[in-house]
Every structure is written in structure tokens, then in C-alpha cells.
């Protein structure tokens, strides 16, 4: 059998193992409950929000606002199906709300069913009226803390600490890009074990991210998967094409998908059978190409 694979198969054995891992994931279920519990990023409250940490979030349909106690919600595959790879998902919402429906929980469950642990982040909202938060400060503090938390608990969650990525939509895409642009090293002497590990994501997914004119790319940055619609606003439809060239010039691996019939906010809906609706499958293929779905 090995001889046949070596002589006639167009796939490497590594690729075949990755495909098997994906197939196993299709038949496995998320270990967590249908509605897993949120895990606060700071047990005793986030810096700058401790006096508001007990305020209730405001839920409007599948959207959430009034976030003062940032958290992650884990969707974990079974131990047998786990690839060891994890994705932190940052939903969009213009920094005034979090669109958890089509840019959060359903996608996290989809990834977990395919062997990829996913964590939905609820971060502080800098454009919500009177929040007092900033993108560069509070929202990015939450993002870096979330990556560090996942990495610090990698053994508990059957993860490879070198396979922790981030995926963001729209406003959340800004956070994903900035986390790759401006990572912070671990603080080995910290009394907090979460702070001892790096906030650098090992890969990034940028789904119609905003503020592309502020994105910089330098050699050694994490590889990127990019997807957006042809009919999106100019800073994305034109801007991300320019950002792709920055990745190319810096020799940072980047895969870009532009969907000719899509605009902004297509997100993830399992019943969306358009080309844009199938972007998660393309990202799964990209992860396979990068050997990130091979079980350890």
C-alpha cells in the first residue's frame, strides 16, 4: 500500500493524514454543551472595567452589547478528533455591538465539528455610546489576553501552543490584524501564568476587515487568509487588495479570496450555498496546506 501511494498518488502522506483528520471531524461532535459557558478573560475583572464587571450584557437577537467583563466561549472537539489547532474568533459589529450569530457561535461549532477548537471572544466595545473604551487600549488588551489564555491552557484543551490562530470579521478583523502586527512577548516573571506566554497568533484570518489603510506587514508576521466581497466598501474592496501586495512584498504567505457577488457582512450561515458562503471550506483547505490539521 505504501508503495502504491509513493508511486501513483498525487497526494503526499501528510496531506492524506490531514484529509483523514478532517473526515473524522465531520462525524464528531463538540465536546462542550450546545451553549458552552463563557470564561472571563480576567477572573476579577478587566483592567479599566472592574467597577462595571457586574453589569449585564444587552442581548438583542443574536447581537450583544454592553460588554464590560470580556470573555471567551470555547467550542472544543472531542479528544479523538482534535487536530490540536485553535482559532480565536472576533465577531464584527462596528465596535458598538458583537454579531455573534453569523460571525461567532455557529462558525465556532462548525470548526469544532471538524477537529479545530474555536473560541468566540466578547470584547469591550469602543464605539458604544459612553463606553469610555478605546480600540488600541481596551479592545486590544482583550484580544491579546484571549490569545494568551488559550495558549496558556493548551494542555487542558488538547491544543498545540504553536497552532493558536485568530480570525476576525469586519471590526473584529481589525483586532485580528493588529494582534499579528503588534504582538507582545510573554512575561516569564509574571505571577499570572496567562501573562507568561506570548500574545502572537500563529496564523490570522481576515474576513472583510475594516481600517485596512492602517495595516502594515513586515517579514516574519503570521501567515494570513483573507476573504471579502467585490462589492464591499472601498477601504476593503480596494484596500485589502493593496494589503495583499504588502504581504507579497514582505514574503509573508497570504491567500486571498474575492467573491464577485458578495458585499459586506456575509459571515457564516450553513444554508448559504453561494461561493462566498463556502469561504470556511476554503480556509480549512488553507489550514490543511499549512499542515495545521495534521493530528499530533
Foldseek 3Di string as FASTA:
>chain_A
DVVCCVPPNPDDPLLVLLVVLQVQLLPWFWPADLFADWDFLDPQFDVPQNVPCPPDWDDDPQKTAPHRGKTKGKGATPLVSAQQAEEEFEADDPLQIGNCPQRNDVVQRVVRSRRYMYIYIDFHRPPHPPSPDDCVPRRLVSLLSVLLVCLLCSVVRVHDSLRYAYEYAAQGLVSRQVCQVDKDAADCPDPDSSRRHISAGQEYEREQYPPLVPGADAAPTHEYEYEFECAEDCCRNVSVVVVVVRCVVRVHHYHYYYHDPDYGDPGEDPPDPDPSNCVVVVVSVVCSVVSSSRHD
